[in-house]
């Protein structure tokens, strides 16, 4: 038995190599008639986090990303619950960040945002 909000939400995701993948921004639960709900995935991404803050903020963020040409990089990434390998201080996932949309998002952010910050090329 675990408290999903306390034990999973906002925890650091780590791939099989120990590379940080971001934080758990949401938990996807399937409601099943006559049976208990089932966790099917963890969700991470700026839109998921923005939805937790305020729906209008999420709408604004999506429009801004579309305008900047990176809409595909703000869409939530789902990590199937069956890929979760451990829940401790961080959440271990049986995946490689480079093979996920998260890796592509991080590369896009490095290239289009971070690279334009003065002094970031050290």
PDB file of N, CA and C in Angstrom:
ATOM      1  N   UNK A   1       0.850  -1.168   0.000  1.00  0.00           N
ATOM      2  CA  UNK A   1       0.000   0.000   0.000  1.00  0.00           C
ATOM      3  C   UNK A   1       0.899   1.235   0.000  1.00  0.00           C
ATOM      4  N   UNK A   2       0.575   2.206  -0.866  1.00  0.00           N
ATOM      5  CA  UNK A   2       1.351   3.440  -0.895  1.00  0.00           C
ATOM      6  C   UNK A   2       0.435   4.615  -1.130  1.00  0.00           C
ATOM      7  N   UNK A   3       0.882   5.767  -0.695  1.00  0.00           N
ATOM      8  CA  UNK A   3       0.184   7.016  -0.944  1.00  0.00           C
ATOM      9  C   UNK A   3       0.786   7.591  -2.220  1.00  0.00           C
ATOM     10  N   UNK A   4       0.076   7.510  -3.338  1.00  0.00           N
ATOM     11  CA  UNK A   4       0.620   7.932  -4.631  1.00  0.00           C
ATOM     12  C   UNK A   4       1.063   9.387  -4.637  1.00  0.00           C
ATOM     13  N   UNK A   5       0.268  10.261  -4.056  1.00  0.00           N
ATOM     14  CA  UNK A   5       0.616  11.674  -4.074  1.00  0.00           C
ATOM     15  C   UNK A   5       1.902  11.893  -3.280  1.00  0.00           C
ATOM     16  N   UNK A   6       2.008  11.321  -2.116  1.00  0.00           N
ATOM     17  CA  UNK A   6       3.189  11.504  -1.277  1.00  0.00           C
ATOM     18  C   UNK A   6       4.410  10.774  -1.823  1.00  0.00           C
ATOM     19  N   UNK A   7       4.231   9.534  -2.303  1.00  0.00           N
ATOM     20  CA  UNK A   7       5.364   8.685  -2.662  1.00  0.00           C
ATOM     21  C   UNK A   7       5.800   8.776  -4.117  1.00  0.00           C
ATOM     22  N   UNK A   8       4.970   9.346  -4.998  1.00  0.00           N
ATOM     23  CA  UNK A   8       5.292   9.343  -6.430  1.00  0.00           C
ATOM     24  C   UNK A   8       5.271  10.745  -7.042  1.00  0.00           C
ATOM     25  N   UNK A   9       4.221  11.503  -6.818  1.00  0.00           N
ATOM     26  CA  UNK A   9       4.069  12.811  -7.451  1.00  0.00           C
ATOM     27  C   UNK A   9       5.215  13.754  -7.051  1.00  0.00           C
ATOM     28  N   UNK A  10       5.774  14.427  -8.029  1.00  0.00           N
ATOM     29  CA  UNK A  10       6.877  15.393  -7.880  1.00  0.00           C
ATOM     30  C   UNK A  10       8.229  14.753  -7.572  1.00  0.00           C
ATOM     31  N   UNK A  11       8.329  13.444  -7.621  1.00  0.00           N
ATOM     32  CA  UNK A  11       9.618  12.774  -7.403  1.00  0.00           C
ATOM     33  C   UNK A  11      10.432  12.797  -8.687  1.00  0.00           C
ATOM     34  N   UNK A  12      11.750  12.741  -8.547  1.00  0.00           N
ATOM     35  CA  UNK A  12      12.676  12.730  -9.675  1.00  0.00           C
ATOM     36  C   UNK A  12      12.583  11.384 -10.403  1.00  0.00           C
ATOM     37  N   UNK A  13      12.475  11.423 -11.730  1.00  0.00           N
ATOM     38  CA  UNK A  13      12.523  10.212 -12.552  1.00  0.00           C
ATOM     39  C   UNK A  13      13.966   9.978 -12.976  1.00  0.00           C
ATOM     40  N   UNK A  14      14.414   8.731 -12.896  1.00  0.00           N
ATOM     41  CA  UNK A  14      15.776   8.375 -13.262  1.00  0.00           C
ATOM     42  C   UNK A  14      15.721   7.164 -14.182  1.00  0.00           C
ATOM     43  N   UNK A  15      16.436   7.244 -15.325  1.00  0.00           N
ATOM     44  CA  UNK A  15      16.420   6.113 -16.257  1.00  0.00           C
ATOM     45  C   UNK A  15      17.333   4.989 -15.765  1.00  0.00           C
ATOM     46  N   UNK A  16      17.424   3.926 -16.540  1.00  0.00           N
ATOM     47  CA  UNK A  16      18.201   2.748 -16.116  1.00  0.00           C
ATOM     48  C   UNK A  16      19.691   3.029 -15.960  1.00  0.00           C
ATOM     49  N   UNK A  17      20.176   4.134 -16.531  1.00  0.00           N
ATOM     50  CA  UNK A  17      21.594   4.494 -16.430  1.00  0.00           C
ATOM     51  C   UNK A  17      21.845   5.527 -15.338  1.00  0.00           C
ATOM     52  N   UNK A  18      20.801   5.935 -14.629  1.00  0.00           N
ATOM     53  CA  UNK A  18      20.933   6.935 -13.578  1.00  0.00           C
ATOM     54  C   UNK A  18      20.805   8.368 -14.071  1.00  0.00           C
ATOM     55  N   UNK A  19      20.421   8.549 -15.329  1.00  0.00           N
ATOM     56  CA  UNK A  19      20.252   9.888 -15.895  1.00  0.00           C
ATOM     57  C   UNK A  19      18.893  10.447 -15.480  1.00  0.00           C
ATOM     58  N   UNK A  20      18.897  11.684 -15.018  1.00  0.00           N
ATOM     59  CA  UNK A  20      17.656  12.325 -14.605  1.00  0.00           C
ATOM     60  C   UNK A  20      16.779  12.593 -15.825  1.00  0.00           C
ATOM     61  N   UNK A  21      15.477  12.327 -15.664  1.00  0.00           N
ATOM     62  CA  UNK A  21      14.519  12.469 -16.757  1.00  0.00           C
ATOM     63  C   UNK A  21      13.476  13.552 -16.488  1.00  0.00           C
ATOM     64  N   UNK A  22      13.555  14.216 -15.378  1.00  0.00           N
ATOM     65  CA  UNK A  22      12.529  15.179 -15.003  1.00  0.00           C
ATOM     66  C   UNK A  22      11.790  14.678 -13.781  1.00  0.00           C
ATOM     67  N   UNK A  23      10.673  15.283 -13.502  1.00  0.00           N
ATOM     68  CA  UNK A  23       9.885  14.912 -12.329  1.00  0.00           C
ATOM     69  C   UNK A  23       8.515  14.365 -12.742  1.00  0.00           C
ATOM     70  N   UNK A  24       7.933  13.601 -11.849  1.00  0.00           N
ATOM     71  CA  UNK A  24       6.583  13.085 -12.072  1.00  0.00           C
ATOM     72  C   UNK A  24       5.620  14.249 -11.858  1.00  0.00           C
ATOM     73  N   UNK A  25       4.989  14.693 -12.938  1.00  0.00           N
ATOM     74  CA  UNK A  25       4.066  15.823 -12.870  1.00  0.00           C
ATOM     75  C   UNK A  25       2.614  15.376 -12.749  1.00  0.00           C
ATOM     76  N   UNK A  26       2.341  14.142 -13.111  1.00  0.00           N
ATOM     77  CA  UNK A  26       0.975  13.641 -13.038  1.00  0.00           C
ATOM     78  C   UNK A  26       0.948  12.128 -12.978  1.00  0.00           C
ATOM     79  N   UNK A  27      -0.172  11.611 -12.545  1.00  0.00           N
ATOM     80  CA  UNK A  27      -0.382  10.167 -12.457  1.00  0.00           C
ATOM     81  C   UNK A  27      -1.647   9.849 -13.238  1.00  0.00           C
ATOM     82  N   UNK A  28      -1.543   8.938 -14.184  1.00  0.00           N
ATOM     83  CA  UNK A  28      -2.688   8.561 -15.016  1.00  0.00           C
ATOM     84  C   UNK A  28      -3.318   7.316 -14.403  1.00  0.00           C
ATOM     85  N   UNK A  29      -4.590   7.443 -14.060  1.00  0.00           N
ATOM     86  CA  UNK A  29      -5.312   6.362 -13.398  1.00  0.00           C
ATOM     87  C   UNK A  29      -6.503   5.970 -14.261  1.00  0.00           C
ATOM     88  N   UNK A  30      -6.701   4.681 -14.412  1.00  0.00           N
ATOM     89  CA  UNK A  30      -7.855   4.174 -15.162  1.00  0.00           C
ATOM     90  C   UNK A  30      -8.957   3.814 -14.178  1.00  0.00           C
ATOM     91  N   UNK A  31     -10.140   4.403 -14.394  1.00  0.00           N
ATOM     92  CA  UNK A  31     -11.294   4.073 -13.565  1.00  0.00           C
ATOM     93  C   UNK A  31     -12.006   2.888 -14.190  1.00  0.00           C
ATOM     94  N   UNK A  32     -12.227   1.855 -13.376  1.00  0.00           N
ATOM     95  CA  UNK A  32     -12.831   0.619 -13.880  1.00  0.00           C
ATOM     96  C   UNK A  32     -14.105   0.320 -13.097  1.00  0.00           C
ATOM     97  N   UNK A  33     -15.220   0.173 -13.790  1.00  0.00           N
ATOM     98  CA  UNK A  33     -16.497  -0.069 -13.104  1.00  0.00           C
ATOM     99  C   UNK A  33     -16.435  -1.329 -12.232  1.00  0.00           C
ATOM    100  N   UNK A  34     -16.828  -1.177 -10.976  1.00  0.00           N
ATOM    101  CA  UNK A  34     -16.896  -2.318 -10.072  1.00  0.00           C
ATOM    102  C   UNK A  34     -15.543  -2.805  -9.571  1.00  0.00           C
ATOM    103  N   UNK A  35     -14.472  -2.138  -9.956  1.00  0.00           N
ATOM    104  CA  UNK A  35     -13.133  -2.555  -9.524  1.00  0.00           C
ATOM    105  C   UNK A  35     -12.372  -1.316  -9.057  1.00  0.00           C
ATOM    106  N   UNK A  36     -11.320  -1.520  -8.278  1.00  0.00           N
ATOM    107  CA  UNK A  36     -10.532  -0.364  -7.840  1.00  0.00           C
ATOM    108  C   UNK A  36      -9.828   0.303  -9.017  1.00  0.00           C
ATOM    109  N   UNK A  37      -9.564   1.600  -8.915  1.00  0.00           N
ATOM    110  CA  UNK A  37      -8.809   2.294  -9.967  1.00  0.00           C
ATOM    111  C   UNK A  37      -7.422   1.660 -10.113  1.00  0.00           C
ATOM    112  N   UNK A  38      -6.860   1.768 -11.318  1.00  0.00           N
ATOM    113  CA  UNK A  38      -5.536   1.193 -11.582  1.00  0.00           C
ATOM    114  C   UNK A  38      -4.614   2.268 -12.159  1.00  0.00           C
ATOM    115  N   UNK A  39      -3.421   2.382 -11.587  1.00  0.00           N
ATOM    116  CA  UNK A  39      -2.420   3.307 -12.132  1.00  0.00           C
ATOM    117  C   UNK A  39      -1.899   2.697 -13.421  1.00  0.00           C
ATOM    118  N   UNK A  40      -1.954   3.464 -14.530  1.00  0.00           N
ATOM    119  CA  UNK A  40      -1.466   2.925 -15.799  1.00  0.00           C
ATOM    120  C   UNK A  40      -0.216   3.633 -16.309  1.00  0.00           C
ATOM    121  N   UNK A  41       0.023   4.871 -15.834  1.00  0.00           N
ATOM    122  CA  UNK A  41       1.206   5.585 -16.317  1.00  0.00           C
ATOM    123  C   UNK A  41       1.554   6.754 -15.405  1.00  0.00           C
ATOM    124  N   UNK A  42       2.803   7.161 -15.520  1.00  0.00           N
ATOM    125  CA  UNK A  42       3.253   8.411 -14.928  1.00  0.00           C
ATOM    126  C   UNK A  42       3.331   9.410 -16.069  1.00  0.00           C
ATOM    127  N   UNK A  43       3.081  10.652 -15.768  1.00  0.00           N
ATOM    128  CA  UNK A  43       3.081  11.672 -16.795  1.00  0.00           C
ATOM    129  C   UNK A  43       4.044  12.778 -16.384  1.00  0.00           C
ATOM    130  N   UNK A  44       4.812  13.244 -17.343  1.00  0.00           N
ATOM    131  CA  UNK A  44       5.737  14.336 -17.083  1.00  0.00           C
ATOM    132  C   UNK A  44       5.716  15.293 -18.264  1.00  0.00           C
ATOM    133  N   UNK A  45       5.928  16.537 -17.977  1.00  0.00           N
ATOM    134  CA  UNK A  45       5.941  17.549 -19.033  1.00  0.00           C
ATOM    135  C   UNK A  45       5.377  18.856 -18.536  1.00  0.00           C
ATOM    136  N   UNK A  46       5.769  19.935 -19.194  1.00  0.00           N
ATOM    137  CA  UNK A  46       5.341  21.255 -18.730  1.00  0.00           C
ATOM    138  C   UNK A  46       3.833  21.486 -18.770  1.00  0.00           C
ATOM    139  N   UNK A  47       3.131  20.901 -19.727  1.00  0.00           N
ATOM    140  CA  UNK A  47       1.677  21.103 -19.773  1.00  0.00           C
ATOM    141  C   UNK A  47       0.979  20.405 -18.610  1.00  0.00           C
ATOM    142  N   UNK A  48       1.457  19.241 -18.240  1.00  0.00           N
ATOM    143  CA  UNK A  48       0.870  18.538 -17.096  1.00  0.00           C
ATOM    144  C   UNK A  48       1.057  19.369 -15.834  1.00  0.00           C
ATOM    145  N   UNK A  49       2.256  19.881 -15.650  1.00  0.00           N
ATOM    146  CA  UNK A  49       2.527  20.714 -14.480  1.00  0.00           C
ATOM    147  C   UNK A  49       1.689  21.996 -14.534  1.00  0.00           C
ATOM    148  N   UNK A  50       1.590  22.608 -15.703  1.00  0.00           N
ATOM    149  CA  UNK A  50       0.799  23.834 -15.843  1.00  0.00           C
ATOM    150  C   UNK A  50      -0.670  23.575 -15.538  1.00  0.00           C
ATOM    151  N   UNK A  51      -1.194  22.422 -15.928  1.00  0.00           N
ATOM    152  CA  UNK A  51      -2.598  22.089 -15.634  1.00  0.00           C
ATOM    153  C   UNK A  51      -2.832  21.983 -14.130  1.00  0.00           C
ATOM    154  N   UNK A  52      -1.814  21.519 -13.408  1.00  0.00           N
ATOM    155  CA  UNK A  52      -1.943  21.446 -11.953  1.00  0.00           C
ATOM    156  C   UNK A  52      -2.008  22.836 -11.343  1.00  0.00           C
ATOM    157  N   UNK A  53      -1.337  23.808 -11.966  1.00  0.00           N
ATOM    158  CA  UNK A  53      -1.329  25.172 -11.451  1.00  0.00           C
ATOM    159  C   UNK A  53      -2.642  25.866 -11.798  1.00  0.00           C
ATOM    160  N   UNK A  54      -2.967  25.894 -13.086  1.00  0.00           N
ATOM    161  CA  UNK A  54      -4.212  26.531 -13.542  1.00  0.00           C
ATOM    162  C   UNK A  54      -4.438  26.188 -15.006  1.00  0.00           C
ATOM    163  N   UNK A  55      -5.668  25.895 -15.363  1.00  0.00           N
ATOM    164  CA  UNK A  55      -6.003  25.538 -16.739  1.00  0.00           C
ATOM    165  C   UNK A  55      -5.666  26.623 -17.745  1.00  0.00           C
ATOM    166  N   UNK A  56      -5.902  27.873 -17.376  1.00  0.00           N
ATOM    167  CA  UNK A  56      -5.596  28.978 -18.291  1.00  0.00           C
ATOM    168  C   UNK A  56      -4.097  29.100 -18.527  1.00  0.00           C
ATOM    169  N   UNK A  57      -3.319  28.841 -17.498  1.00  0.00           N
ATOM    170  CA  UNK A  57      -1.867  28.891 -17.644  1.00  0.00           C
ATOM    171  C   UNK A  57      -1.414  27.817 -18.638  1.00  0.00           C
ATOM    172  N   UNK A  58      -2.004  26.646 -18.569  1.00  0.00           N
ATOM    173  CA  UNK A  58      -1.668  25.570 -19.503  1.00  0.00           C
ATOM    174  C   UNK A  58      -2.027  25.955 -20.931  1.00  0.00           C
ATOM    175  N   UNK A  59      -3.179  26.592 -21.112  1.00  0.00           N
ATOM    176  CA  UNK A  59      -3.592  27.047 -22.445  1.00  0.00           C
ATOM    177  C   UNK A  59      -2.605  28.074 -22.985  1.00  0.00           C
ATOM    178  N   UNK A  60      -2.208  29.021 -22.157  1.00  0.00           N
ATOM    179  CA  UNK A  60      -1.231  30.044 -22.553  1.00  0.00           C
ATOM    180  C   UNK A  60       0.097  29.393 -22.924  1.00  0.00           C
ATOM    181  N   UNK A  61       0.539  28.440 -22.112  1.00  0.00           N
ATOM    182  CA  UNK A  61       1.813  27.773 -22.381  1.00  0.00           C
ATOM    183  C   UNK A  61       1.772  27.010 -23.706  1.00  0.00           C
ATOM    184  N   UNK A  62       0.672  26.344 -23.988  1.00  0.00           N
ATOM    185  CA  UNK A  62       0.535  25.604 -25.247  1.00  0.00           C
ATOM    186  C   UNK A  62       0.587  26.547 -26.444  1.00  0.00           C
ATOM    187  N   UNK A  63      -0.073  27.688 -26.332  1.00  0.00           N
ATOM    188  CA  UNK A  63      -0.047  28.668 -27.425  1.00  0.00           C
ATOM    189  C   UNK A  63       1.351  29.233 -27.635  1.00  0.00           C
ATOM    190  N   UNK A  64       2.034  29.530 -26.545  1.00  0.00           N
ATOM    191  CA  UNK A  64       3.396  30.044 -26.630  1.00  0.00           C
ATOM    192  C   UNK A  64       4.318  29.020 -27.295  1.00  0.00           C
ATOM    193  N   UNK A  65       4.186  27.757 -26.915  1.00  0.00           N
ATOM    194  CA  UNK A  65       5.017  26.704 -27.502  1.00  0.00           C
ATOM    195  C   UNK A  65       4.721  26.541 -28.989  1.00  0.00           C
ATOM    196  N   UNK A  66       3.448  26.637 -29.360  1.00  0.00           N
ATOM    197  CA  UNK A  66       3.083  26.547 -30.774  1.00  0.00           C
ATOM    198  C   UNK A  66       3.702  27.696 -31.550  1.00  0.00           C
ATOM    199  N   UNK A  67       3.629  28.904 -30.995  1.00  0.00           N
ATOM    200  CA  UNK A  67       4.218  30.077 -31.624  1.00  0.00           C
ATOM    201  C   UNK A  67       5.732  29.922 -31.779  1.00  0.00           C
ATOM    202  N   UNK A  68       6.391  29.344 -30.778  1.00  0.00           N
ATOM    203  CA  UNK A  68       7.850  29.191 -30.806  1.00  0.00           C
ATOM    204  C   UNK A  68       8.291  28.002 -31.655  1.00  0.00           C
ATOM    205  N   UNK A  69       7.350  27.210 -32.128  1.00  0.00           N
ATOM    206  CA  UNK A  69       7.692  26.076 -32.982  1.00  0.00           C
ATOM    207  C   UNK A  69       8.061  24.817 -32.222  1.00  0.00           C
ATOM    208  N   UNK A  70       7.753  24.766 -30.950  1.00  0.00           N
ATOM    209  CA  UNK A  70       8.116  23.591 -30.155  1.00  0.00           C
ATOM    210  C   UNK A  70       6.935  22.929 -29.482  1.00  0.00           C
ATOM    211  N   UNK A  71       5.747  23.032 -30.095  1.00  0.00           N
ATOM    212  CA  UNK A  71       4.540  22.483 -29.468  1.00  0.00           C
ATOM    213  C   UNK A  71       4.675  20.998 -29.146  1.00  0.00           C
ATOM    214  N   UNK A  72       5.351  20.257 -30.021  1.00  0.00           N
ATOM    215  CA  UNK A  72       5.495  18.821 -29.782  1.00  0.00           C
ATOM    216  C   UNK A  72       6.345  18.537 -28.551  1.00  0.00           C
ATOM    217  N   UNK A  73       7.117  19.525 -28.092  1.00  0.00           N
ATOM    218  CA  UNK A  73       8.001  19.307 -26.958  1.00  0.00           C
ATOM    219  C   UNK A  73       7.386  19.681 -25.618  1.00  0.00           C
ATOM    220  N   UNK A  74       6.194  20.220 -25.607  1.00  0.00           N
ATOM    221  CA  UNK A  74       5.532  20.494 -24.337  1.00  0.00           C
ATOM    222  C   UNK A  74       4.433  19.476 -24.047  1.00  0.00           C
ATOM    223  N   UNK A  75       4.114  18.657 -25.033  1.00  0.00           N
ATOM    224  CA  UNK A  75       3.101  17.627 -24.814  1.00  0.00           C
ATOM    225  C   UNK A  75       3.566  16.667 -23.715  1.00  0.00           C
ATOM    226  N   UNK A  76       2.648  16.196 -22.890  1.00  0.00           N
ATOM    227  CA  UNK A  76       3.020  15.276 -21.819  1.00  0.00           C
ATOM    228  C   UNK A  76       3.633  13.980 -22.356  1.00  0.00           C
ATOM    229  N   UNK A  77       4.570  13.467 -21.607  1.00  0.00           N
ATOM    230  CA  UNK A  77       5.181  12.171 -21.923  1.00  0.00           C
ATOM    231  C   UNK A  77       4.647  11.156 -20.913  1.00  0.00           C
ATOM    232  N   UNK A  78       4.145  10.033 -21.408  1.00  0.00           N
ATOM    233  CA  UNK A  78       3.621   8.985 -20.544  1.00  0.00           C
ATOM    234  C   UNK A  78       4.664   7.881 -20.384  1.00  0.00           C
ATOM    235  N   UNK A  79       4.872   7.506 -19.154  1.00  0.00           N
ATOM    236  CA  UNK A  79       5.772   6.393 -18.851  1.00  0.00           C
ATOM    237  C   UNK A  79       4.905   5.300 -18.245  1.00  0.00           C
ATOM    238  N   UNK A  80       4.758   4.176 -18.954  1.00  0.00           N
ATOM    239  CA  UNK A  80       3.885   3.118 -18.448  1.00  0.00           C
ATOM    240  C   UNK A  80       4.296   2.673 -17.037  1.00  0.00           C
ATOM    241  N   UNK A  81       3.301   2.444 -16.200  1.00  0.00           N
ATOM    242  CA  UNK A  81       3.549   2.036 -14.823  1.00  0.00           C
ATOM    243  C   UNK A  81       4.370   0.752 -14.767  1.00  0.00           C
ATOM    244  N   UNK A  82       4.183  -0.127 -15.742  1.00  0.00           N
ATOM    245  CA  UNK A  82       4.940  -1.384 -15.749  1.00  0.00           C
ATOM    246  C   UNK A  82       6.440  -1.149 -15.967  1.00  0.00           C
ATOM    247  N   UNK A  83       6.843   0.048 -16.435  1.00  0.00           N
ATOM    248  CA  UNK A  83       8.259   0.380 -16.621  1.00  0.00           C
ATOM    249  C   UNK A  83       8.912   0.915 -15.346  1.00  0.00           C
ATOM    250  N   UNK A  84       8.103   1.193 -14.319  1.00  0.00           N
ATOM    251  CA  UNK A  84       8.651   1.660 -13.044  1.00  0.00           C
ATOM    252  C   UNK A  84       9.342   0.491 -12.368  1.00  0.00           C
ATOM    253  N   UNK A  85      10.638   0.658 -12.094  1.00  0.00           N
ATOM    254  CA  UNK A  85      11.416  -0.435 -11.511  1.00  0.00           C
ATOM    255  C   UNK A  85      11.628  -0.291 -10.014  1.00  0.00           C
ATOM    256  N   UNK A  86      11.569   0.947  -9.500  1.00  0.00           N
ATOM    257  CA  UNK A  86      11.727   1.149  -8.058  1.00  0.00           C
ATOM    258  C   UNK A  86      11.161   2.505  -7.664  1.00  0.00           C
ATOM    259  N   UNK A  87      10.695   2.549  -6.417  1.00  0.00           N
ATOM    260  CA  UNK A  87      10.203   3.806  -5.844  1.00  0.00           C
ATOM    261  C   UNK A  87      10.927   3.995  -4.527  1.00  0.00           C
ATOM    262  N   UNK A  88      11.849   4.940  -4.526  1.00  0.00           N
ATOM    263  CA  UNK A  88      12.631   5.262  -3.327  1.00  0.00           C
ATOM    264  C   UNK A  88      12.638   6.781  -3.200  1.00  0.00           C
ATOM    265  N   UNK A  89      13.809   7.368  -3.001  1.00  0.00           N
ATOM    266  CA  UNK A  89      13.910   8.828  -2.978  1.00  0.00           C
ATOM    267  C   UNK A  89      13.552   9.354  -4.358  1.00  0.00           C
ATOM    268  N   UNK A  90      13.967   8.627  -5.389  1.00  0.00           N
ATOM    269  CA  UNK A  90      13.582   8.945  -6.757  1.00  0.00           C
ATOM    270  C   UNK A  90      12.843   7.746  -7.338  1.00  0.00           C
ATOM    271  N   UNK A  91      12.338   7.911  -8.553  1.00  0.00           N
ATOM    272  CA  UNK A  91      11.571   6.853  -9.219  1.00  0.00           C
ATOM    273  C   UNK A  91      12.436   6.275 -10.332  1.00  0.00           C
ATOM    274  N   UNK A  92      12.838   5.018 -10.183  1.00  0.00           N
ATOM    275  CA  UNK A  92      13.621   4.346 -11.216  1.00  0.00           C
ATOM    276  C   UNK A  92      12.718   3.815 -12.315  1.00  0.00           C
ATOM    277  N   UNK A  93      13.141   4.031 -13.556  1.00  0.00           N
ATOM    278  CA  UNK A  93      12.347   3.620 -14.710  1.00  0.00           C
ATOM    279  C   UNK A  93      13.213   2.760 -15.623  1.00  0.00           C
ATOM    280  N   UNK A  94      12.661   1.653 -16.092  1.00  0.00           N
ATOM    281  CA  UNK A  94      13.371   0.770 -17.012  1.00  0.00           C
ATOM    282  C   UNK A  94      13.221   1.324 -18.429  1.00  0.00           C
ATOM    283  N   UNK A  95      13.980   2.368 -18.718  1.00  0.00           N
ATOM    284  CA  UNK A  95      13.968   3.030 -20.027  1.00  0.00           C
ATOM    285  C   UNK A  95      15.256   3.825 -20.144  1.00  0.00           C
ATOM    286  N   UNK A  96      15.561   4.260 -21.348  1.00  0.00           N
ATOM    287  CA  UNK A  96      16.720   5.114 -21.603  1.00  0.00           C
ATOM    288  C   UNK A  96      16.164   6.472 -22.028  1.00  0.00           C
ATOM    289  N   UNK A  97      16.530   7.532 -21.310  1.00  0.00           N
ATOM    290  CA  UNK A  97      15.969   8.855 -21.582  1.00  0.00           C
ATOM    291  C   UNK A  97      16.169   9.268 -23.040  1.00  0.00           C
ATOM    292  N   UNK A  98      17.262   8.886 -23.649  1.00  0.00           N
ATOM    293  CA  UNK A  98      17.538   9.264 -25.042  1.00  0.00           C
ATOM    294  C   UNK A  98      16.519   8.667 -26.012  1.00  0.00           C
ATOM    295  N   UNK A  99      15.869   7.581 -25.624  1.00  0.00           N
ATOM    296  CA  UNK A  99      14.898   6.918 -26.494  1.00  0.00           C
ATOM    297  C   UNK A  99      13.460   7.368 -26.231  1.00  0.00           C
ATOM    298  N   UNK A 100      13.289   8.368 -25.400  1.00  0.00           N
ATOM    299  CA  UNK A 100      11.948   8.828 -25.053  1.00  0.00           C
ATOM    300  C   UNK A 100      11.713  10.241 -25.581  1.00  0.00           C
ATOM    301  N   UNK A 101      10.470  10.672 -25.621  1.00  0.00           N
ATOM    302  CA  UNK A 101      10.202  12.064 -25.984  1.00  0.00           C
ATOM    303  C   UNK A 101      10.880  13.053 -25.032  1.00  0.00           C
ATOM    304  N   UNK A 102      11.154  12.613 -23.813  1.00  0.00           N
ATOM    305  CA  UNK A 102      11.840  13.485 -22.854  1.00  0.00           C
ATOM    306  C   UNK A 102      13.241  13.835 -23.336  1.00  0.00           C
ATOM    307  N   UNK A 103      13.954  12.869 -23.886  1.00  0.00           N
ATOM    308  CA  UNK A 103      15.296  13.122 -24.409  1.00  0.00           C
ATOM    309  C   UNK A 103      15.261  14.089 -25.571  1.00  0.00           C
ATOM    310  N   UNK A 104      14.286  13.933 -26.449  1.00  0.00           N
ATOM    311  CA  UNK A 104      14.137  14.853 -27.582  1.00  0.00           C
ATOM    312  C   UNK A 104      13.782  16.256 -27.086  1.00  0.00           C
ATOM    313  N   UNK A 105      12.927  16.338 -26.055  1.00  0.00           N
ATOM    314  CA  UNK A 105      12.551  17.626 -25.480  1.00  0.00           C
ATOM    315  C   UNK A 105      13.770  18.309 -24.863  1.00  0.00           C
ATOM    316  N   UNK A 106      14.580  17.561 -24.130  1.00  0.00           N
ATOM    317  CA  UNK A 106      15.769  18.146 -23.512  1.00  0.00           C
ATOM    318  C   UNK A 106      16.743  18.655 -24.577  1.00  0.00           C
ATOM    319  N   UNK A 107      16.921  17.903 -25.650  1.00  0.00           N
ATOM    320  CA  UNK A 107      17.809  18.337 -26.728  1.00  0.00           C
ATOM    321  C   UNK A 107      17.282  19.611 -27.384  1.00  0.00           C
ATOM    322  N   UNK A 108      15.969  19.687 -27.617  1.00  0.00           N
ATOM    323  CA  UNK A 108      15.371  20.879 -28.220  1.00  0.00           C
ATOM    324  C   UNK A 108      15.560  22.092 -27.319  1.00  0.00           C
ATOM    325  N   UNK A 109      15.320  21.920 -26.027  1.00  0.00           N
ATOM    326  CA  UNK A 109      15.496  23.024 -25.088  1.00  0.00           C
ATOM    327  C   UNK A 109      16.947  23.501 -25.044  1.00  0.00           C
ATOM    328  N   UNK A 110      17.892  22.553 -25.039  1.00  0.00           N
ATOM    329  CA  UNK A 110      19.314  22.939 -25.051  1.00  0.00           C
ATOM    330  C   UNK A 110      19.649  23.753 -26.294  1.00  0.00           C
ATOM    331  N   UNK A 111      19.145  23.307 -27.453  1.00  0.00           N
ATOM    332  CA  UNK A 111      19.474  23.944 -28.719  1.00  0.00           C
ATOM    333  C   UNK A 111      18.772  25.290 -28.916  1.00  0.00           C
ATOM    334  N   UNK A 112      17.491  25.373 -28.563  1.00  0.00           N
ATOM    335  CA  UNK A 112      16.705  26.555 -28.881  1.00  0.00           C
ATOM    336  C   UNK A 112      16.551  27.565 -27.744  1.00  0.00           C
ATOM    337  N   UNK A 113      16.735  27.142 -26.527  1.00  0.00           N
ATOM    338  CA  UNK A 113      16.542  28.052 -25.401  1.00  0.00           C
ATOM    339  C   UNK A 113      17.856  28.288 -24.651  1.00  0.00           C
ATOM    340  N   UNK A 114      18.416  27.237 -24.097  1.00  0.00           N
ATOM    341  CA  UNK A 114      19.614  27.379 -23.267  1.00  0.00           C
ATOM    342  C   UNK A 114      20.791  27.934 -24.061  1.00  0.00           C
ATOM    343  N   UNK A 115      20.957  27.496 -25.293  1.00  0.00           N
ATOM    344  CA  UNK A 115      22.091  27.960 -26.114  1.00  0.00           C
ATOM    345  C   UNK A 115      22.035  29.469 -26.368  1.00  0.00           C
ATOM    346  N   UNK A 116      20.871  30.062 -26.249  1.00  0.00           N
ATOM    347  CA  UNK A 116      20.726  31.501 -26.507  1.00  0.00           C
ATOM    348  C   UNK A 116      20.938  32.362 -25.267  1.00  0.00           C
ATOM    349  N   UNK A 117      21.115  31.727 -24.130  1.00  0.00           N
ATOM    350  CA  UNK A 117      21.348  32.462 -22.892  1.00  0.00           C
ATOM    351  C   UNK A 117      22.828  32.844 -22.833  1.00  0.00           C
ATOM    352  N   UNK A 118      23.118  34.125 -22.671  1.00  0.00           N
ATOM    353  CA  UNK A 118      24.530  34.539 -22.612  1.00  0.00           C
ATOM    354  C   UNK A 118      25.280  33.812 -21.493  1.00  0.00           C
ATOM    355  N   UNK A 119      26.448  33.289 -21.839  1.00  0.00           N
ATOM    356  CA  UNK A 119      27.281  32.582 -20.867  1.00  0.00           C
ATOM    357  C   UNK A 119      26.954  31.113 -20.712  1.00  0.00           C
ATOM    358  N   UNK A 120      25.962  30.606 -21.446  1.00  0.00           N
ATOM    359  CA  UNK A 120      25.569  29.199 -21.287  1.00  0.00           C
ATOM    360  C   UNK A 120      26.472  28.241 -22.057  1.00  0.00           C
ATOM    361  N   UNK A 121      27.348  28.746 -22.887  1.00  0.00           N
ATOM    362  CA  UNK A 121      28.186  27.890 -23.745  1.00  0.00           C
ATOM    363  C   UNK A 121      29.544  27.587 -23.120  1.00  0.00           C
ATOM    364  N   UNK A 122      29.658  27.701 -21.847  1.00  0.00           N
ATOM    365  CA  UNK A 122      30.948  27.446 -21.174  1.00  0.00           C
ATOM    366  C   UNK A 122      31.290  25.993 -21.143  1.00  0.00           C
TER     367      UNK A 122
END
